[in-house]
């Protein structure tokens, strides 16, 4: 048998190694979660949301387009006309890919999309953002177009109004 003090020190070192290993693993998990939360968080400003909305629509990404829309702010009549988010999704699934093909064919795609003008109401809860879409070529004789996007600030951040 060895010296009891020596054994206690060895056991203590092994316990400290285990604790250190657990702490390092937890710190890695926390760092990884933080990275994913930051990387996966959506656009934050009204300008960012409007650009993300236009980009997703022009690239025919129906899910991202729908994620930008505030369905809670629609008039009751609008919701009755549309019946549900699923109906909007169905319509976008038909229209957006056709528009994307037209832009690719006629204009050679999109060069850039950027917010060019922002107007907010006094309490900063509503905005209209003008988003410029610049084509690689010409679409119906134009090298660019400006899309007005109306937004409202919700509990989930800025969302596009569909009224």
C-alpha atoms as a PDB file:
ATOM      1  CA  UNK A   1       0.000   0.000   0.000  1.00  0.00           C
ATOM      2  CA  UNK A   2       1.078   3.496  -0.668  1.00  0.00           C
ATOM      3  CA  UNK A   3       1.238   6.584   1.394  1.00  0.00           C
ATOM      4  CA  UNK A   4      -2.334   7.766   2.275  1.00  0.00           C
ATOM      5  CA  UNK A   5      -1.428  11.389   1.468  1.00  0.00           C
ATOM      6  CA  UNK A   6      -0.123  10.347  -1.938  1.00  0.00           C
ATOM      7  CA  UNK A   7      -3.292   8.378  -2.659  1.00  0.00           C
ATOM      8  CA  UNK A   8      -5.457  11.338  -1.602  1.00  0.00           C
ATOM      9  CA  UNK A   9      -3.513  13.658  -3.928  1.00  0.00           C
ATOM     10  CA  UNK A  10      -3.851  11.234  -6.869  1.00  0.00           C
ATOM     11  CA  UNK A  11      -7.599  10.852  -6.231  1.00  0.00           C
ATOM     12  CA  UNK A  12      -7.965  14.623  -5.917  1.00  0.00           C
ATOM     13  CA  UNK A  13      -6.101  15.149  -9.208  1.00  0.00           C
ATOM     14  CA  UNK A  14      -8.343  12.614 -10.954  1.00  0.00           C
ATOM     15  CA  UNK A  15     -11.468  14.321  -9.564  1.00  0.00           C
ATOM     16  CA  UNK A  16     -10.162  17.709 -10.727  1.00  0.00           C
ATOM     17  CA  UNK A  17      -9.488  16.272 -14.200  1.00  0.00           C
ATOM     18  CA  UNK A  18     -13.085  14.998 -14.390  1.00  0.00           C
ATOM     19  CA  UNK A  19     -14.477  18.357 -13.230  1.00  0.00           C
ATOM     20  CA  UNK A  20     -12.277  20.219 -15.711  1.00  0.00           C
ATOM     21  CA  UNK A  21     -13.379  17.903 -18.523  1.00  0.00           C
ATOM     22  CA  UNK A  22     -17.057  18.524 -17.653  1.00  0.00           C
ATOM     23  CA  UNK A  23     -16.527  22.300 -17.484  1.00  0.00           C
ATOM     24  CA  UNK A  24     -14.726  22.391 -20.831  1.00  0.00           C
ATOM     25  CA  UNK A  25     -17.485  20.294 -22.428  1.00  0.00           C
ATOM     26  CA  UNK A  26     -20.193  22.603 -21.009  1.00  0.00           C
ATOM     27  CA  UNK A  27     -18.320  25.706 -22.171  1.00  0.00           C
ATOM     28  CA  UNK A  28     -18.056  24.202 -25.658  1.00  0.00           C
ATOM     29  CA  UNK A  29     -21.799  23.391 -25.618  1.00  0.00           C
ATOM     30  CA  UNK A  30     -22.633  26.937 -24.517  1.00  0.00           C
ATOM     31  CA  UNK A  31     -20.364  28.453 -27.161  1.00  0.00           C
ATOM     32  CA  UNK A  32     -21.896  26.219 -29.827  1.00  0.00           C
ATOM     33  CA  UNK A  33     -25.444  27.152 -28.771  1.00  0.00           C
ATOM     34  CA  UNK A  34     -24.538  30.828 -28.772  1.00  0.00           C
ATOM     35  CA  UNK A  35     -23.104  30.501 -32.269  1.00  0.00           C
ATOM     36  CA  UNK A  36     -26.242  28.786 -33.579  1.00  0.00           C
ATOM     37  CA  UNK A  37     -28.554  31.289 -31.930  1.00  0.00           C
ATOM     38  CA  UNK A  38     -26.600  34.165 -33.419  1.00  0.00           C
ATOM     39  CA  UNK A  39     -26.180  32.561 -36.835  1.00  0.00           C
ATOM     40  CA  UNK A  40     -29.825  31.509 -37.062  1.00  0.00           C
ATOM     41  CA  UNK A  41     -31.388  34.661 -35.735  1.00  0.00           C
ATOM     42  CA  UNK A  42     -33.335  36.561 -38.316  1.00  0.00           C
ATOM     43  CA  UNK A  43     -32.863  40.068 -39.580  1.00  0.00           C
ATOM     44  CA  UNK A  44     -33.347  42.718 -36.908  1.00  0.00           C
ATOM     45  CA  UNK A  45     -33.916  46.118 -38.526  1.00  0.00           C
ATOM     46  CA  UNK A  46     -36.846  47.076 -40.727  1.00  0.00           C
ATOM     47  CA  UNK A  47     -34.405  47.509 -43.601  1.00  0.00           C
ATOM     48  CA  UNK A  48     -32.905  44.041 -43.016  1.00  0.00           C
ATOM     49  CA  UNK A  49     -36.359  42.422 -42.905  1.00  0.00           C
ATOM     50  CA  UNK A  50     -37.508  44.194 -46.065  1.00  0.00           C
ATOM     51  CA  UNK A  51     -34.354  43.142 -47.954  1.00  0.00           C
ATOM     52  CA  UNK A  52     -34.681  39.552 -46.647  1.00  0.00           C
ATOM     53  CA  UNK A  53     -38.332  39.518 -47.743  1.00  0.00           C
ATOM     54  CA  UNK A  54     -37.567  40.747 -51.262  1.00  0.00           C
ATOM     55  CA  UNK A  55     -34.539  38.434 -51.605  1.00  0.00           C
ATOM     56  CA  UNK A  56     -36.555  35.414 -50.518  1.00  0.00           C
ATOM     57  CA  UNK A  57     -39.430  36.311 -52.829  1.00  0.00           C
ATOM     58  CA  UNK A  58     -37.167  36.883 -55.847  1.00  0.00           C
ATOM     59  CA  UNK A  59     -35.305  33.631 -55.134  1.00  0.00           C
ATOM     60  CA  UNK A  60     -38.632  31.747 -54.787  1.00  0.00           C
ATOM     61  CA  UNK A  61     -37.926  30.725 -51.175  1.00  0.00           C
ATOM     62  CA  UNK A  62     -41.533  30.453 -50.020  1.00  0.00           C
ATOM     63  CA  UNK A  63     -40.711  29.479 -46.418  1.00  0.00           C
ATOM     64  CA  UNK A  64     -38.423  32.469 -45.835  1.00  0.00           C
ATOM     65  CA  UNK A  65     -40.910  34.757 -47.563  1.00  0.00           C
ATOM     66  CA  UNK A  66     -43.706  33.541 -45.275  1.00  0.00           C
ATOM     67  CA  UNK A  67     -41.471  33.918 -42.205  1.00  0.00           C
ATOM     68  CA  UNK A  68     -41.170  37.649 -42.966  1.00  0.00           C
ATOM     69  CA  UNK A  69     -44.945  38.241 -43.104  1.00  0.00           C
ATOM     70  CA  UNK A  70     -47.080  39.354 -40.157  1.00  0.00           C
ATOM     71  CA  UNK A  71     -50.341  37.472 -40.560  1.00  0.00           C
ATOM     72  CA  UNK A  72     -51.706  38.810 -37.262  1.00  0.00           C
ATOM     73  CA  UNK A  73     -51.938  42.370 -38.624  1.00  0.00           C
ATOM     74  CA  UNK A  74     -54.078  41.456 -41.630  1.00  0.00           C
ATOM     75  CA  UNK A  75     -57.630  42.728 -41.731  1.00  0.00           C
ATOM     76  CA  UNK A  76     -60.253  40.140 -40.900  1.00  0.00           C
ATOM     77  CA  UNK A  77     -61.603  40.444 -44.461  1.00  0.00           C
ATOM     78  CA  UNK A  78     -58.120  39.811 -45.890  1.00  0.00           C
ATOM     79  CA  UNK A  79     -57.773  36.670 -43.808  1.00  0.00           C
ATOM     80  CA  UNK A  80     -61.234  35.489 -44.872  1.00  0.00           C
ATOM     81  CA  UNK A  81     -60.318  36.136 -48.511  1.00  0.00           C
ATOM     82  CA  UNK A  82     -57.027  34.291 -48.127  1.00  0.00           C
ATOM     83  CA  UNK A  83     -58.532  31.662 -45.776  1.00  0.00           C
ATOM     84  CA  UNK A  84     -55.206  30.887 -44.174  1.00  0.00           C
ATOM     85  CA  UNK A  85     -51.440  31.046 -44.283  1.00  0.00           C
ATOM     86  CA  UNK A  86     -51.558  27.761 -46.224  1.00  0.00           C
ATOM     87  CA  UNK A  87     -53.481  29.392 -49.063  1.00  0.00           C
ATOM     88  CA  UNK A  88     -50.909  32.199 -49.214  1.00  0.00           C
ATOM     89  CA  UNK A  89     -48.170  29.582 -49.221  1.00  0.00           C
ATOM     90  CA  UNK A  90     -49.869  27.779 -52.100  1.00  0.00           C
ATOM     91  CA  UNK A  91     -50.208  30.961 -54.141  1.00  0.00           C
ATOM     92  CA  UNK A  92     -46.603  31.976 -53.473  1.00  0.00           C
ATOM     93  CA  UNK A  93     -45.448  28.468 -54.424  1.00  0.00           C
ATOM     94  CA  UNK A  94     -47.052  28.992 -57.832  1.00  0.00           C
ATOM     95  CA  UNK A  95     -46.125  32.622 -58.499  1.00  0.00           C
ATOM     96  CA  UNK A  96     -42.588  32.952 -57.114  1.00  0.00           C
ATOM     97  CA  UNK A  97     -40.907  30.194 -59.165  1.00  0.00           C
ATOM     98  CA  UNK A  98     -42.510  31.544 -62.363  1.00  0.00           C
ATOM     99  CA  UNK A  99     -41.246  35.054 -61.591  1.00  0.00           C
ATOM    100  CA  UNK A 100     -37.799  33.700 -60.761  1.00  0.00           C
ATOM    101  CA  UNK A 101     -37.626  31.869 -64.116  1.00  0.00           C
ATOM    102  CA  UNK A 102     -38.711  35.028 -65.953  1.00  0.00           C
ATOM    103  CA  UNK A 103     -35.983  37.090 -64.264  1.00  0.00           C
ATOM    104  CA  UNK A 104     -33.330  34.455 -64.982  1.00  0.00           C
ATOM    105  CA  UNK A 105     -34.390  34.152 -68.620  1.00  0.00           C
ATOM    106  CA  UNK A 106     -34.910  37.822 -69.471  1.00  0.00           C
ATOM    107  CA  UNK A 107     -32.521  39.652 -67.136  1.00  0.00           C
ATOM    108  CA  UNK A 108     -29.844  37.050 -66.422  1.00  0.00           C
ATOM    109  CA  UNK A 109     -30.681  37.039 -62.725  1.00  0.00           C
ATOM    110  CA  UNK A 110     -30.229  39.582 -59.966  1.00  0.00           C
ATOM    111  CA  UNK A 111     -27.048  41.551 -59.340  1.00  0.00           C
ATOM    112  CA  UNK A 112     -27.993  43.005 -55.943  1.00  0.00           C
ATOM    113  CA  UNK A 113     -30.873  43.829 -53.623  1.00  0.00           C
ATOM    114  CA  UNK A 114     -30.605  46.734 -51.203  1.00  0.00           C
ATOM    115  CA  UNK A 115     -32.739  49.067 -49.093  1.00  0.00           C
ATOM    116  CA  UNK A 116     -32.562  52.553 -50.587  1.00  0.00           C
ATOM    117  CA  UNK A 117     -35.063  54.556 -48.551  1.00  0.00           C
ATOM    118  CA  UNK A 118     -36.775  54.148 -45.170  1.00  0.00           C
ATOM    119  CA  UNK A 119     -39.696  56.106 -43.761  1.00  0.00           C
ATOM    120  CA  UNK A 120     -40.920  55.427 -40.207  1.00  0.00           C
ATOM    121  CA  UNK A 121     -43.959  56.662 -38.313  1.00  0.00           C
ATOM    122  CA  UNK A 122     -43.420  58.841 -35.223  1.00  0.00           C
ATOM    123  CA  UNK A 123     -43.408  56.018 -32.681  1.00  0.00           C
ATOM    124  CA  UNK A 124     -41.185  53.803 -34.878  1.00  0.00           C
ATOM    125  CA  UNK A 125     -43.738  50.957 -35.010  1.00  0.00           C
ATOM    126  CA  UNK A 126     -44.432  51.088 -38.749  1.00  0.00           C
ATOM    127  CA  UNK A 127     -42.167  51.622 -41.726  1.00  0.00           C
ATOM    128  CA  UNK A 128     -42.124  51.724 -45.478  1.00  0.00           C
ATOM    129  CA  UNK A 129     -38.844  50.624 -46.956  1.00  0.00           C
ATOM    130  CA  UNK A 130     -38.045  51.005 -50.629  1.00  0.00           C
ATOM    131  CA  UNK A 131     -35.941  48.058 -51.765  1.00  0.00           C
ATOM    132  CA  UNK A 132     -34.029  48.307 -55.031  1.00  0.00           C
ATOM    133  CA  UNK A 133     -33.569  45.150 -57.091  1.00  0.00           C
ATOM    134  CA  UNK A 134     -30.772  45.507 -59.671  1.00  0.00           C
ATOM    135  CA  UNK A 135     -30.784  42.997 -62.529  1.00  0.00           C
ATOM    136  CA  UNK A 136     -27.767  41.607 -64.366  1.00  0.00           C
ATOM    137  CA  UNK A 137     -29.464  42.620 -67.614  1.00  0.00           C
ATOM    138  CA  UNK A 138     -32.822  44.166 -68.464  1.00  0.00           C
ATOM    139  CA  UNK A 139     -36.266  43.062 -67.379  1.00  0.00           C
ATOM    140  CA  UNK A 140     -39.040  44.649 -69.438  1.00  0.00           C
ATOM    141  CA  UNK A 141     -36.583  47.335 -70.513  1.00  0.00           C
ATOM    142  CA  UNK A 142     -35.430  48.208 -66.989  1.00  0.00           C
ATOM    143  CA  UNK A 143     -32.107  47.473 -65.296  1.00  0.00           C
ATOM    144  CA  UNK A 144     -33.676  47.752 -61.843  1.00  0.00           C
ATOM    145  CA  UNK A 145     -36.946  48.093 -60.003  1.00  0.00           C
ATOM    146  CA  UNK A 146     -37.927  49.463 -56.597  1.00  0.00           C
ATOM    147  CA  UNK A 147     -40.218  47.418 -54.380  1.00  0.00           C
ATOM    148  CA  UNK A 148     -42.046  49.275 -51.579  1.00  0.00           C
ATOM    149  CA  UNK A 149     -42.311  47.103 -48.474  1.00  0.00           C
ATOM    150  CA  UNK A 150     -44.612  48.063 -45.578  1.00  0.00           C
ATOM    151  CA  UNK A 151     -43.617  46.731 -42.170  1.00  0.00           C
ATOM    152  CA  UNK A 152     -44.933  46.701 -38.630  1.00  0.00           C
ATOM    153  CA  UNK A 153     -42.969  46.130 -35.426  1.00  0.00           C
ATOM    154  CA  UNK A 154     -44.328  43.092 -33.587  1.00  0.00           C
ATOM    155  CA  UNK A 155     -43.286  41.123 -30.511  1.00  0.00           C
ATOM    156  CA  UNK A 156     -41.295  38.939 -32.916  1.00  0.00           C
ATOM    157  CA  UNK A 157     -39.554  41.943 -34.478  1.00  0.00           C
ATOM    158  CA  UNK A 158     -40.225  43.681 -37.788  1.00  0.00           C
ATOM    159  CA  UNK A 159     -42.706  41.884 -40.069  1.00  0.00           C
ATOM    160  CA  UNK A 160     -44.105  42.666 -43.519  1.00  0.00           C
ATOM    161  CA  UNK A 161     -47.733  43.822 -43.588  1.00  0.00           C
ATOM    162  CA  UNK A 162     -49.930  42.042 -46.103  1.00  0.00           C
ATOM    163  CA  UNK A 163     -52.854  44.501 -46.214  1.00  0.00           C
END
